[in-house]
C-alpha atoms as a PDB file:
ATOM      1  CA  MET A   1      57.738  60.642  71.870  1.00  0.00           C
ATOM      2  CA  PRO A   2      54.203  59.406  71.217  1.00  0.00           C
ATOM      3  CA  ALA A   3      51.885  60.757  73.836  1.00  0.00           C
ATOM      4  CA  ASN A   4      49.343  57.958  73.611  1.00  0.00           C
ATOM      5  CA  ASP A   5      51.620  55.253  74.889  1.00  0.00           C
ATOM      6  CA  SER A   6      53.051  57.198  77.756  1.00  0.00           C
ATOM      7  CA  ASN A   7      49.949  56.750  79.846  1.00  0.00           C
ATOM      8  CA  ASN A   8      50.782  53.104  80.396  1.00  0.00           C
ATOM      9  CA  SER A   9      52.188  52.072  83.748  1.00  0.00           C
ATOM     10  CA  THR A  10      54.744  49.520  84.736  1.00  0.00           C
ATOM     11  CA  GLY A  11      52.409  47.999  87.266  1.00  0.00           C
ATOM     12  CA  PRO A  12      49.078  46.292  86.698  1.00  0.00           C
ATOM     13  CA  VAL A  13      46.827  47.822  84.089  1.00  0.00           C
ATOM     14  CA  ARG A  14      43.987  49.334  85.986  1.00  0.00           C
ATOM     15  CA  MET A  15      40.779  49.665  84.017  1.00  0.00           C
ATOM     16  CA  PRO A  16      37.202  48.611  84.411  1.00  0.00           C
ATOM     17  CA  GLU A  17      37.637  46.122  81.740  1.00  0.00           C
ATOM     18  CA  PRO A  18      45.630  20.635  29.039  1.00  0.00           C
ATOM     19  CA  THR A  19      46.241  15.291  27.194  1.00  0.00           C
ATOM     20  CA  PRO A  20      49.047  15.864  24.850  1.00  0.00           C
ATOM     21  CA  ARG A  21      47.565  14.865  21.585  1.00  0.00           C
ATOM     22  CA  HIS A  22      49.154  11.630  20.495  1.00  0.00           C
ATOM     23  CA  TYR A  23      49.466  11.754  16.729  1.00  0.00           C
ATOM     24  CA  ARG A  24      49.594   8.291  15.217  1.00  0.00           C
ATOM     25  CA  SER A  25      49.120   6.869  11.738  1.00  0.00           C
ATOM     26  CA  GLY A  26      45.675   5.485  11.082  1.00  0.00           C
ATOM     27  CA  GLY A  27      45.143   1.769  10.684  1.00  0.00           C
ATOM     28  CA  HIS A  28      44.366   0.628   7.123  1.00  0.00           C
ATOM     29  CA  ARG A  29      42.326  -2.426   6.490  1.00  0.00           C
ATOM     30  CA  ALA A  30      40.406  -3.829   3.499  1.00  0.00           C
ATOM     31  CA  SER A  31      36.693  -3.232   3.625  1.00  0.00           C
ATOM     32  CA  ASP A  32      34.209  -6.028   3.127  1.00  0.00           C
ATOM     33  CA  GLY A  33      34.075  -7.343  -0.503  1.00  0.00           C
ATOM     34  CA  SER A  34      37.437  -5.886  -1.349  1.00  0.00           C
ATOM     35  CA  GLN A  35      39.120  -9.248  -1.991  1.00  0.00           C
ATOM     36  CA  PRO A  36      40.115  -9.641  -5.707  1.00  0.00           C
ATOM     37  CA  GLY A  37      38.100 -11.975  -7.951  1.00  0.00           C
ATOM     38  CA  PRO A  38      39.551 -14.678 -10.196  1.00  0.00           C
ATOM     39  CA  ARG A  39      42.210 -13.321 -12.494  1.00  0.00           C
ATOM     40  CA  SER A  40      44.929 -14.694 -14.776  1.00  0.00           C
ATOM     41  CA  LEU A  41      48.184 -15.472 -13.084  1.00  0.00           C
ATOM     42  CA  ALA A  42      50.005 -12.884 -15.220  1.00  0.00           C
ATOM     43  CA  ARG A  43      47.535 -10.139 -14.270  1.00  0.00           C
ATOM     44  CA  ARG A  44      47.741 -11.121 -10.637  1.00  0.00           C
ATOM     45  CA  GLU A  45      51.575 -11.158 -10.757  1.00  0.00           C
ATOM     46  CA  GLY A  46      51.576  -7.742 -12.470  1.00  0.00           C
ATOM     47  CA  ARG A  47      49.310  -6.311  -9.796  1.00  0.00           C
ATOM     48  CA  ILE A  48      51.458  -7.747  -7.034  1.00  0.00           C
ATOM     49  CA  ARG A  49      54.567  -6.271  -8.652  1.00  0.00           C
ATOM     50  CA  ARG A  50      52.893  -2.830  -8.846  1.00  0.00           C
ATOM     51  CA  GLN A  51      51.873  -3.134  -5.207  1.00  0.00           C
ATOM     52  CA  TYR A  52      55.442  -3.894  -4.137  1.00  0.00           C
ATOM     53  CA  LEU A  53      56.722  -0.971  -6.169  1.00  0.00           C
ATOM     54  CA  THR A  54      54.135   1.300  -4.621  1.00  0.00           C
ATOM     55  CA  ALA A  55      54.990   0.088  -1.119  1.00  0.00           C
ATOM     56  CA  ALA A  56      58.683   0.617  -1.789  1.00  0.00           C
ATOM     57  CA  ALA A  57      57.992   4.149  -3.003  1.00  0.00           C
ATOM     58  CA  VAL A  58      55.973   4.890   0.107  1.00  0.00           C
ATOM     59  CA  ALA A  59      58.731   3.533   2.328  1.00  0.00           C
ATOM     60  CA  LEU A  60      61.323   5.661   0.564  1.00  0.00           C
ATOM     61  CA  ALA A  61      59.078   8.698   0.945  1.00  0.00           C
ATOM     62  CA  LEU A  62      58.650   8.046   4.632  1.00  0.00           C
ATOM     63  CA  VAL A  63      62.410   7.723   5.121  1.00  0.00           C
ATOM     64  CA  ALA A  64      62.956  10.982   3.258  1.00  0.00           C
ATOM     65  CA  ALA A  65      60.236  12.719   5.231  1.00  0.00           C
ATOM     66  CA  GLY A  66      61.694  11.461   8.464  1.00  0.00           C
ATOM     67  CA  GLY A  67      65.045  12.921   7.536  1.00  0.00           C
ATOM     68  CA  VAL A  68      63.478  16.268   6.725  1.00  0.00           C
ATOM     69  CA  TYR A  69      61.553  16.261  10.020  1.00  0.00           C
ATOM     70  CA  ALA A  70      64.671  15.431  11.977  1.00  0.00           C
ATOM     71  CA  GLY A  71      66.551  18.211  10.215  1.00  0.00           C
ATOM     72  CA  VAL A  72      63.824  20.734  10.961  1.00  0.00           C
ATOM     73  CA  GLN A  73      63.647  19.681  14.579  1.00  0.00           C
ATOM     74  CA  ALA A  74      67.390  20.044  14.943  1.00  0.00           C
ATOM     75  CA  GLY A  75      67.081  23.637  13.809  1.00  0.00           C
ATOM     76  CA  LEU A  76      64.340  24.573  16.271  1.00  0.00           C
ATOM     77  CA  PRO A  77      65.181  26.155  19.601  1.00  0.00           C
ATOM     78  CA  SER A  78      64.541  23.950  22.577  1.00  0.00           C
ATOM     79  CA  ASP A  79      61.589  24.651  24.849  1.00  0.00           C
ATOM     80  CA  PRO A  80      62.338  27.261  27.504  1.00  0.00           C
ATOM     81  CA  PRO A  81      63.166  25.730  30.864  1.00  0.00           C
ATOM     82  CA  ALA A  82      60.392  25.552  33.364  1.00  0.00           C
ATOM     83  CA  ALA A  83      60.451  28.179  36.072  1.00  0.00           C
ATOM     84  CA  ALA A  84      62.643  27.144  38.924  1.00  0.00           C
ATOM     85  CA  ALA A  85      60.754  25.973  41.942  1.00  0.00           C
ATOM     86  CA  THR A  86      61.111  27.836  45.186  1.00  0.00           C
ATOM     87  CA  ALA A  87      64.118  26.559  47.005  1.00  0.00           C
ATOM     88  CA  PRO A  88      63.535  24.954  50.329  1.00  0.00           C
ATOM     89  CA  VAL A  89      64.052  26.891  53.475  1.00  0.00           C
ATOM     90  CA  THR A  90      66.966  25.761  55.575  1.00  0.00           C
ATOM     91  CA  ASP A  91      66.887  26.099  59.295  1.00  0.00           C
ATOM     92  CA  ALA A  92      69.714  24.873  61.498  1.00  0.00           C
ATOM     93  CA  GLY A  93      70.710  22.123  59.073  1.00  0.00           C
ATOM     94  CA  ARG A  94      67.097  21.076  58.450  1.00  0.00           C
ATOM     95  CA  THR A  95      65.569  21.531  54.994  1.00  0.00           C
ATOM     96  CA  VAL A  96      61.902  22.457  54.920  1.00  0.00           C
ATOM     97  CA  PRO A  97      60.215  23.194  51.568  1.00  0.00           C
ATOM     98  CA  PRO A  98      57.633  25.988  51.785  1.00  0.00           C
ATOM     99  CA  ALA A  99      54.282  24.379  52.540  1.00  0.00           C
ATOM    100  CA  SER A 100      52.396  26.409  49.932  1.00  0.00           C
ATOM    101  CA  ASP A 101      54.698  25.129  47.152  1.00  0.00           C
ATOM    102  CA  LEU A 102      54.495  21.424  47.895  1.00  0.00           C
ATOM    103  CA  PRO A 103      52.823  19.537  44.979  1.00  0.00           C
ATOM    104  CA  THR A 104      50.166  16.955  45.723  1.00  0.00           C
ATOM    105  CA  THR A 105      52.031  14.384  43.647  1.00  0.00           C
ATOM    106  CA  ALA A 106      55.454  14.479  42.095  1.00  0.00           C
ATOM    107  CA  SER A 107      55.577  14.282  38.295  1.00  0.00           C
ATOM    108  CA  PRO A 108      58.659  12.724  36.745  1.00  0.00           C
ATOM    109  CA  VAL A 109      60.474  14.724  34.116  1.00  0.00           C
ATOM    110  CA  ALA A 110      60.567  12.918  30.751  1.00  0.00           C
ATOM    111  CA  GLY A 111      64.065  12.729  29.271  1.00  0.00           C
ATOM    112  CA  THR A 112      64.789  13.096  25.569  1.00  0.00           C
ATOM    113  CA  VAL A 113      65.630   9.884  23.693  1.00  0.00           C
ATOM    114  CA  SER A 114      69.026   9.521  22.050  1.00  0.00           C
ATOM    115  CA  ALA A 115      68.647   8.084  18.515  1.00  0.00           C
ATOM    116  CA  ALA A 116      72.118   6.544  18.664  1.00  0.00           C
ATOM    117  CA  ALA A 117      71.916   4.985  22.072  1.00  0.00           C
ATOM    118  CA  GLY A 118      68.174   4.346  22.170  1.00  0.00           C
ATOM    119  CA  LYS A 119      67.995   5.458  25.794  1.00  0.00           C
ATOM    120  CA  PRO A 120      67.156   8.651  27.605  1.00  0.00           C
ATOM    121  CA  ALA A 121      69.752  11.348  27.238  1.00  0.00           C
ATOM    122  CA  GLU A 122      70.928  13.072  30.379  1.00  0.00           C
ATOM    123  CA  LEU A 123      69.183  16.335  31.185  1.00  0.00           C
ATOM    124  CA  PRO A 124      71.429  19.358  31.666  1.00  0.00           C
ATOM    125  CA  ALA A 125      71.824  20.412  35.259  1.00  0.00           C
ATOM    126  CA  VAL A 126      69.779  23.498  36.139  1.00  0.00           C
ATOM    127  CA  PRO A 127      71.137  25.463  39.060  1.00  0.00           C
ATOM    128  CA  ALA A 128      68.627  26.015  41.837  1.00  0.00           C
ATOM    129  CA  VAL A 129      67.526  29.550  42.554  1.00  0.00           C
ATOM    130  CA  ALA A 130      68.707  30.507  45.994  1.00  0.00           C
ATOM    131  CA  VAL A 131      65.962  31.785  48.250  1.00  0.00           C
ATOM    132  CA  PRO A 132      67.062  33.959  51.144  1.00  0.00           C
ATOM    133  CA  ALA A 133      66.527  32.215  54.428  1.00  0.00           C
ATOM    134  CA  ILE A 134      67.116  32.574  58.124  1.00  0.00           C
ATOM    135  CA  ASP A 135      70.520  30.885  58.147  1.00  0.00           C
ATOM    136  CA  PRO A 136      73.485  30.586  60.510  1.00  0.00           C
ATOM    137  CA  GLU A 137      75.128  33.651  58.985  1.00  0.00           C
ATOM    138  CA  LEU A 138      72.117  35.808  59.800  1.00  0.00           C
ATOM    139  CA  ASP A 139      71.887  34.214  63.248  1.00  0.00           C
ATOM    140  CA  SER A 140      75.491  35.232  63.874  1.00  0.00           C
ATOM    141  CA  GLN A 141      74.905  38.797  62.720  1.00  0.00           C
ATOM    142  CA  ILE A 142      71.896  39.274  64.976  1.00  0.00           C
ATOM    143  CA  ASN A 143      73.661  37.780  67.962  1.00  0.00           C
ATOM    144  CA  GLY A 144      76.656  40.008  67.279  1.00  0.00           C
ATOM    145  CA  ILE A 145      74.534  43.150  67.481  1.00  0.00           C
ATOM    146  CA  ILE A 146      72.925  41.988  70.701  1.00  0.00           C
ATOM    147  CA  GLU A 147      76.288  41.161  72.291  1.00  0.00           C
ATOM    148  CA  ALA A 148      77.686  44.547  71.286  1.00  0.00           C
ATOM    149  CA  ASN A 149      74.849  46.266  73.154  1.00  0.00           C
ATOM    150  CA  SER A 150      74.821  44.329  76.382  1.00  0.00           C
ATOM    151  CA  ALA A 151      73.907  47.429  78.383  1.00  0.00           C
ATOM    152  CA  TYR A 152      70.302  46.754  77.389  1.00  0.00           C
ATOM    153  CA  ALA A 153      68.041  43.739  77.572  1.00  0.00           C
ATOM    154  CA  LEU A 154      67.396  42.891  73.911  1.00  0.00           C
ATOM    155  CA  GLY A 155      65.069  40.137  72.732  1.00  0.00           C
ATOM    156  CA  VAL A 156      64.565  39.359  69.040  1.00  0.00           C
ATOM    157  CA  SER A 157      62.236  36.828  67.427  1.00  0.00           C
ATOM    158  CA  LEU A 158      62.136  36.053  63.716  1.00  0.00           C
ATOM    159  CA  ILE A 159      59.720  33.790  61.831  1.00  0.00           C
ATOM    160  CA  ASP A 160      59.586  32.829  58.143  1.00  0.00           C
ATOM    161  CA  VAL A 161      55.826  32.481  57.744  1.00  0.00           C
ATOM    162  CA  SER A 162      56.361  29.725  55.133  1.00  0.00           C
ATOM    163  CA  ASP A 163      57.487  27.310  57.862  1.00  0.00           C
ATOM    164  CA  GLY A 164      56.400  28.933  61.116  1.00  0.00           C
ATOM    165  CA  VAL A 165      59.654  28.183  62.938  1.00  0.00           C
ATOM    166  CA  VAL A 166      60.427  30.721  65.649  1.00  0.00           C
ATOM    167  CA  HIS A 167      64.063  31.852  65.822  1.00  0.00           C
ATOM    168  CA  GLY A 168      64.924  33.558  69.089  1.00  0.00           C
ATOM    169  CA  TYR A 169      67.914  35.703  69.965  1.00  0.00           C
ATOM    170  CA  GLY A 170      69.000  37.429  73.123  1.00  0.00           C
ATOM    171  CA  ALA A 171      66.615  37.748  76.054  1.00  0.00           C
ATOM    172  CA  GLN A 172      63.644  35.442  75.527  1.00  0.00           C
ATOM    173  CA  GLY A 173      61.903  35.892  78.846  1.00  0.00           C
ATOM    174  CA  LYS A 174      58.876  38.019  79.610  1.00  0.00           C
ATOM    175  CA  PHE A 175      58.949  41.750  78.922  1.00  0.00           C
ATOM    176  CA  VAL A 176      56.337  44.337  79.756  1.00  0.00           C
ATOM    177  CA  ALA A 177      54.648  44.200  76.364  1.00  0.00           C
ATOM    178  CA  ALA A 178      53.413  47.796  76.499  1.00  0.00           C
ATOM    179  CA  SER A 179      51.217  48.621  73.509  1.00  0.00           C
ATOM    180  CA  THR A 180      52.342  45.691  71.348  1.00  0.00           C
ATOM    181  CA  ALA A 181      49.744  43.704  73.318  1.00  0.00           C
ATOM    182  CA  LYS A 182      46.996  45.773  71.697  1.00  0.00           C
ATOM    183  CA  ILE A 183      47.175  43.372  68.717  1.00  0.00           C
ATOM    184  CA  LEU A 184      46.195  40.544  71.053  1.00  0.00           C
ATOM    185  CA  ALA A 185      43.292  42.593  72.439  1.00  0.00           C
ATOM    186  CA  ALA A 186      42.085  43.530  68.953  1.00  0.00           C
ATOM    187  CA  SER A 187      42.227  39.889  67.809  1.00  0.00           C
ATOM    188  CA  ALA A 188      40.266  38.804  70.882  1.00  0.00           C
ATOM    189  CA  TYR A 189      37.479  41.301  70.155  1.00  0.00           C
ATOM    190  CA  TYR A 190      37.330  40.358  66.466  1.00  0.00           C
ATOM    191  CA  HIS A 191      37.033  36.730  67.613  1.00  0.00           C
ATOM    192  CA  LEU A 192      33.969  37.661  69.657  1.00  0.00           C
ATOM    193  CA  VAL A 193      32.493  39.302  66.554  1.00  0.00           C
ATOM    194  CA  GLU A 194      33.151  36.244  64.405  1.00  0.00           C
ATOM    195  CA  THR A 195      31.517  33.963  66.969  1.00  0.00           C
ATOM    196  CA  GLY A 196      28.413  36.159  67.251  1.00  0.00           C
ATOM    197  CA  ARG A 197      29.108  37.544  70.718  1.00  0.00           C
ATOM    198  CA  ALA A 198      29.979  41.116  69.780  1.00  0.00           C
ATOM    199  CA  SER A 199      29.656  43.618  66.943  1.00  0.00           C
ATOM    200  CA  LEU A 200      31.976  46.112  65.319  1.00  0.00           C
ATOM    201  CA  THR A 201      29.052  48.525  64.987  1.00  0.00           C
ATOM    202  CA  ALA A 202      28.092  48.337  68.657  1.00  0.00           C
ATOM    203  CA  ARG A 203      28.249  51.622  70.525  1.00  0.00           C
ATOM    204  CA  MET A 204      31.422  51.883  72.551  1.00  0.00           C
ATOM    205  CA  GLY A 205      32.445  55.086  74.244  1.00  0.00           C
ATOM    206  CA  ALA A 206      31.899  58.043  71.958  1.00  0.00           C
ATOM    207  CA  SER A 207      31.976  55.898  68.802  1.00  0.00           C
ATOM    208  CA  THR A 208      31.738  52.236  67.755  1.00  0.00           C
ATOM    209  CA  ALA A 209      33.766  49.184  68.657  1.00  0.00           C
ATOM    210  CA  GLY A 210      35.253  49.120  65.158  1.00  0.00           C
ATOM    211  CA  ALA A 211      36.385  52.734  65.465  1.00  0.00           C
ATOM    212  CA  GLN A 212      37.870  52.063  68.908  1.00  0.00           C
ATOM    213  CA  ILE A 213      39.924  49.151  67.547  1.00  0.00           C
ATOM    214  CA  ARG A 214      41.330  51.412  64.849  1.00  0.00           C
ATOM    215  CA  GLN A 215      42.210  54.104  67.364  1.00  0.00           C
ATOM    216  CA  MET A 216      43.751  51.545  69.720  1.00  0.00           C
ATOM    217  CA  VAL A 217      46.015  50.034  67.030  1.00  0.00           C
ATOM    218  CA  GLN A 218      46.785  52.838  64.577  1.00  0.00           C
ATOM    219  CA  GLN A 219      46.966  55.677  67.105  1.00  0.00           C
ATOM    220  CA  SER A 220      47.862  53.546  70.118  1.00  0.00           C
ATOM    221  CA  ASN A 221      45.030  55.134  72.073  1.00  0.00           C
ATOM    222  CA  ASN A 222      44.963  53.819  75.637  1.00  0.00           C
ATOM    223  CA  ASP A 223      41.364  54.877  76.331  1.00  0.00           C
ATOM    224  CA  SER A 224      40.281  52.764  73.356  1.00  0.00           C
ATOM    225  CA  TRP A 225      42.393  49.900  74.736  1.00  0.00           C
ATOM    226  CA  ALA A 226      40.616  50.104  78.056  1.00  0.00           C
ATOM    227  CA  LEU A 227      37.206  49.972  76.347  1.00  0.00           C
ATOM    228  CA  ILE A 228      38.141  46.954  74.215  1.00  0.00           C
ATOM    229  CA  LEU A 229      39.613  45.102  77.203  1.00  0.00           C
ATOM    230  CA  ARG A 230      36.490  45.824  79.250  1.00  0.00           C
ATOM    231  CA  ALA A 231      34.332  44.362  76.457  1.00  0.00           C
ATOM    232  CA  VAL A 232      36.526  41.253  76.139  1.00  0.00           C
ATOM    233  CA  GLY A 233      36.912  40.798  79.902  1.00  0.00           C
ATOM    234  CA  GLN A 234      39.911  39.701  81.906  1.00  0.00           C
ATOM    235  CA  ARG A 235      38.943  36.062  81.739  1.00  0.00           C
ATOM    236  CA  GLY A 236      38.101  36.420  78.040  1.00  0.00           C
ATOM    237  CA  ILE A 237      41.495  37.802  77.074  1.00  0.00           C
ATOM    238  CA  THR A 238      43.301  35.182  79.163  1.00  0.00           C
ATOM    239  CA  GLU A 239      41.328  32.332  77.603  1.00  0.00           C
ATOM    240  CA  TYR A 240      41.729  33.722  74.096  1.00  0.00           C
ATOM    241  CA  ALA A 241      45.494  33.991  74.551  1.00  0.00           C
ATOM    242  CA  ALA A 242      45.621  30.434  75.914  1.00  0.00           C
ATOM    243  CA  SER A 243      43.735  29.215  72.838  1.00  0.00           C
ATOM    244  CA  ILE A 244      46.683  30.312  70.673  1.00  0.00           C
ATOM    245  CA  GLY A 245      49.330  29.012  73.044  1.00  0.00           C
ATOM    246  CA  ILE A 246      50.090  32.168  75.011  1.00  0.00           C
ATOM    247  CA  THR A 247      50.023  32.657  78.767  1.00  0.00           C
ATOM    248  CA  TYR A 248      48.763  36.188  79.342  1.00  0.00           C
ATOM    249  CA  ASP A 249      47.446  38.222  82.236  1.00  0.00           C
ATOM    250  CA  ARG A 250      46.309  41.679  81.269  1.00  0.00           C
ATOM    251  CA  THR A 251      46.850  43.053  84.736  1.00  0.00           C
ATOM    252  CA  VAL A 252      50.613  42.705  84.345  1.00  0.00           C
ATOM    253  CA  ASN A 253      50.723  42.713  80.508  1.00  0.00           C
ATOM    254  CA  LEU A 254      53.757  40.471  80.028  1.00  0.00           C
ATOM    255  CA  LEU A 255      54.742  38.755  76.768  1.00  0.00           C
ATOM    256  CA  THR A 256      57.906  37.174  75.405  1.00  0.00           C
ATOM    257  CA  PRO A 257      59.257  38.257  71.991  1.00  0.00           C
ATOM    258  CA  ALA A 258      58.392  34.752  70.712  1.00  0.00           C
ATOM    259  CA  GLU A 259      54.779  35.046  71.916  1.00  0.00           C
ATOM    260  CA  MET A 260      54.363  38.378  70.180  1.00  0.00           C
ATOM    261  CA  ALA A 261      55.948  36.976  67.002  1.00  0.00           C
ATOM    262  CA  ARG A 262      53.661  33.945  67.128  1.00  0.00           C
ATOM    263  CA  THR A 263      50.604  36.189  67.424  1.00  0.00           C
ATOM    264  CA  LEU A 264      51.616  38.149  64.323  1.00  0.00           C
ATOM    265  CA  GLN A 265      52.416  34.986  62.360  1.00  0.00           C
ATOM    266  CA  LEU A 266      48.994  33.518  63.119  1.00  0.00           C
ATOM    267  CA  LEU A 267      47.316  36.814  62.252  1.00  0.00           C
ATOM    268  CA  TYR A 268      49.140  37.312  58.953  1.00  0.00           C
ATOM    269  CA  THR A 269      48.526  33.729  57.778  1.00  0.00           C
ATOM    270  CA  GLY A 270      44.785  33.953  58.507  1.00  0.00           C
ATOM    271  CA  GLN A 271      44.787  31.499  61.390  1.00  0.00           C
ATOM    272  CA  LEU A 272      43.292  33.929  63.881  1.00  0.00           C
ATOM    273  CA  LEU A 273      40.573  35.770  61.989  1.00  0.00           C
ATOM    274  CA  ASN A 274      38.584  35.607  58.781  1.00  0.00           C
ATOM    275  CA  ALA A 275      39.987  37.244  55.638  1.00  0.00           C
ATOM    276  CA  ARG A 276      38.071  40.484  56.018  1.00  0.00           C
ATOM    277  CA  ASN A 277      38.992  41.102  59.624  1.00  0.00           C
ATOM    278  CA  THR A 278      42.586  40.021  59.023  1.00  0.00           C
ATOM    279  CA  ALA A 279      42.949  42.573  56.224  1.00  0.00           C
ATOM    280  CA  GLN A 280      41.330  45.272  58.320  1.00  0.00           C
ATOM    281  CA  LEU A 281      43.524  44.752  61.345  1.00  0.00           C
ATOM    282  CA  LEU A 282      46.684  44.600  59.225  1.00  0.00           C
ATOM    283  CA  SER A 283      45.677  47.871  57.546  1.00  0.00           C
ATOM    284  CA  TYR A 284      45.562  49.553  60.951  1.00  0.00           C
ATOM    285  CA  MET A 285      49.180  48.475  61.453  1.00  0.00           C
ATOM    286  CA  GLN A 286      50.326  50.919  58.762  1.00  0.00           C
ATOM    287  CA  ASN A 287      50.670  54.697  58.850  1.00  0.00           C
ATOM    288  CA  THR A 288      50.642  54.643  62.607  1.00  0.00           C
ATOM    289  CA  ASN A 289      51.345  57.519  64.969  1.00  0.00           C
ATOM    290  CA  PHE A 290      54.906  56.285  65.612  1.00  0.00           C
ATOM    291  CA  GLU A 291      56.874  55.275  62.509  1.00  0.00           C
ATOM    292  CA  THR A 292      60.384  55.826  63.870  1.00  0.00           C
ATOM    293  CA  LEU A 293      61.564  52.340  64.881  1.00  0.00           C
ATOM    294  CA  ILE A 294      61.420  49.491  62.303  1.00  0.00           C
ATOM    295  CA  PRO A 295      59.752  51.319  59.337  1.00  0.00           C
ATOM    296  CA  PRO A 296      62.506  53.852  58.482  1.00  0.00           C
ATOM    297  CA  ALA A 297      65.128  51.088  58.257  1.00  0.00           C
ATOM    298  CA  VAL A 298      63.101  48.932  55.840  1.00  0.00           C
ATOM    299  CA  PRO A 299      64.217  49.195  52.163  1.00  0.00           C
ATOM    300  CA  PRO A 300      61.795  50.447  49.482  1.00  0.00           C
ATOM    301  CA  GLY A 301      59.452  47.796  48.133  1.00  0.00           C
ATOM    302  CA  VAL A 302      59.177  45.854  51.384  1.00  0.00           C
ATOM    303  CA  GLY A 303      55.798  46.135  53.079  1.00  0.00           C
ATOM    304  CA  VAL A 304      55.570  46.828  56.801  1.00  0.00           C
ATOM    305  CA  HIS A 305      52.730  46.110  59.218  1.00  0.00           C
ATOM    306  CA  HIS A 306      53.738  46.836  62.783  1.00  0.00           C
ATOM    307  CA  LYS A 307      52.810  47.796  66.322  1.00  0.00           C
ATOM    308  CA  TYR A 308      55.226  49.594  68.591  1.00  0.00           C
ATOM    309  CA  GLY A 309      55.271  49.714  72.336  1.00  0.00           C
ATOM    310  CA  LEU A 310      56.694  52.376  74.596  1.00  0.00           C
ATOM    311  CA  LEU A 311      56.499  52.436  78.353  1.00  0.00           C
ATOM    312  CA  PHE A 312      59.207  53.886  80.558  1.00  0.00           C
ATOM    313  CA  GLY A 313      62.237  51.621  80.043  1.00  0.00           C
ATOM    314  CA  ASN A 314      60.437  49.396  77.518  1.00  0.00           C
ATOM    315  CA  LEU A 315      60.786  50.234  73.818  1.00  0.00           C
ATOM    316  CA  HIS A 316      59.537  47.638  71.318  1.00  0.00           C
ATOM    317  CA  ASP A 317      58.450  47.151  67.735  1.00  0.00           C
ATOM    318  CA  ALA A 318      56.741  44.070  66.306  1.00  0.00           C
ATOM    319  CA  ALA A 319      56.311  43.799  62.544  1.00  0.00           C
ATOM    320  CA  VAL A 320      55.420  41.676  59.542  1.00  0.00           C
ATOM    321  CA  LEU A 321      57.724  42.414  56.591  1.00  0.00           C
ATOM    322  CA  ASP A 322      56.603  41.187  53.155  1.00  0.00           C
ATOM    323  CA  LYS A 323      57.614  41.338  49.503  1.00  0.00           C
ATOM    324  CA  ASP A 324      56.872  39.254  46.367  1.00  0.00           C
ATOM    325  CA  GLY A 325      54.852  36.654  48.235  1.00  0.00           C
ATOM    326  CA  ARG A 326      57.369  36.095  51.038  1.00  0.00           C
ATOM    327  CA  ALA A 327      56.884  37.326  54.557  1.00  0.00           C
ATOM    328  CA  PHE A 328      58.746  37.342  57.837  1.00  0.00           C
ATOM    329  CA  VAL A 329      57.688  38.295  61.322  1.00  0.00           C
ATOM    330  CA  PHE A 330      60.298  40.404  63.070  1.00  0.00           C
ATOM    331  CA  VAL A 331      59.994  41.421  66.708  1.00  0.00           C
ATOM    332  CA  VAL A 332      62.431  43.452  68.782  1.00  0.00           C
ATOM    333  CA  TYR A 333      61.814  43.993  72.483  1.00  0.00           C
ATOM    334  CA  THR A 334      64.194  46.229  74.438  1.00  0.00           C
ATOM    335  CA  ARG A 335      64.458  47.241  78.056  1.00  0.00           C
ATOM    336  CA  GLY A 336      66.693  50.076  79.203  1.00  0.00           C
ATOM    337  CA  LYS A 337      66.735  52.694  81.922  1.00  0.00           C
ATOM    338  CA  ASN A 338      63.928  55.004  80.878  1.00  0.00           C
ATOM    339  CA  TYR A 339      63.054  57.475  78.156  1.00  0.00           C
ATOM    340  CA  SER A 340      66.568  58.959  78.303  1.00  0.00           C
ATOM    341  CA  ASP A 341      68.119  56.031  76.378  1.00  0.00           C
ATOM    342  CA  MET A 342      65.433  55.727  73.714  1.00  0.00           C
ATOM    343  CA  GLY A 343      67.829  57.191  71.115  1.00  0.00           C
ATOM    344  CA  PRO A 344      70.488  54.467  71.374  1.00  0.00           C
ATOM    345  CA  ARG A 345      67.871  51.727  71.513  1.00  0.00           C
ATOM    346  CA  THR A 346      66.100  53.165  68.455  1.00  0.00           C
ATOM    347  CA  GLN A 347      69.431  52.923  66.603  1.00  0.00           C
ATOM    348  CA  ILE A 348      69.838  49.300  67.716  1.00  0.00           C
ATOM    349  CA  ILE A 349      66.350  48.404  66.476  1.00  0.00           C
ATOM    350  CA  GLN A 350      67.110  50.015  63.120  1.00  0.00           C
ATOM    351  CA  GLN A 351      70.504  48.288  62.850  1.00  0.00           C
ATOM    352  CA  LEU A 352      68.803  44.939  63.467  1.00  0.00           C
ATOM    353  CA  THR A 353      66.140  45.813  60.885  1.00  0.00           C
ATOM    354  CA  ARG A 354      68.715  46.663  58.207  1.00  0.00           C
ATOM    355  CA  THR A 355      70.607  43.449  58.941  1.00  0.00           C
ATOM    356  CA  VAL A 356      67.504  41.283  58.704  1.00  0.00           C
ATOM    357  CA  THR A 357      66.064  42.902  55.560  1.00  0.00           C
ATOM    358  CA  ALA A 358      69.451  42.840  53.754  1.00  0.00           C
ATOM    359  CA  ALA A 359      69.639  39.084  54.375  1.00  0.00           C
ATOM    360  CA  LEU A 360      66.022  38.189  53.586  1.00  0.00           C
ATOM    361  CA  PHE A 361      64.887  40.516  50.788  1.00  0.00           C
END
């Protein structure tokens, strides 16, 4: 059991606060003064006859060359097919292509021309590459796990960051957020820094504000949390949360799974902070002091950035899972009796994690 999170209380938090080259034959025309002078009719007829013979020879040569070219072309392998575009994401019968893959304008594909028919030949059908998505099958699996563990209050939120749609399962009301709310506090302080009202190098406690943020997130240090909240202020944290669509009062520290998921989605996609601060905060969400909930159930090759929360009967983990340019936010909030049923709830969180990652990666 992580010691740092056990100092929380269930009541109010008390603290002081490149244009294809078109090859074409050149035009031939007589230059000035090239018209023939007076000649005998016989000479002129002879020259005309030679010209016709020459033209006929050229035509025959062109026909022969064309046949050779066509034969060579028939023996060449076709161009490799273009890489398949990312398949659209399907959500509840609605198709949404990933925003980052949408082209500015659509370019038509040019068909090959059939010599016999003189019209475009049909292109062979290319099967679309299936992209894992949050689909009804996954919905059913998640709901099945929740229903099988009805002794606990379980709330799950899942977001594909490519479309931002929040998928909620189980209990979607407010939970005591415990230390998962530290991500909101960290983002609020970074926002003050980016707007010139605070500094990461400012003295705070026995170190700097930047060091306190790291301790608060990576080590879940509650003293650091108190210092950051004091610097942000009660009104400041409430207004910052409201600015991203969240109703939050630090004195009771309540969040829904969807609100926590939305916070992580905005953070990961760079909508909360600048690139440098985003990367820094996400780095603190790795190698934390409590890696026993979502992380152990994630398959190799999938990245994990997360923040857990543990307070009496509340056991949560909130993560961003990413691989090969795709990312999903995955939040599990649980409420049970107390620390005595942490084991079963840890197993539920890991079962949900394995189900989600098997479907999406």
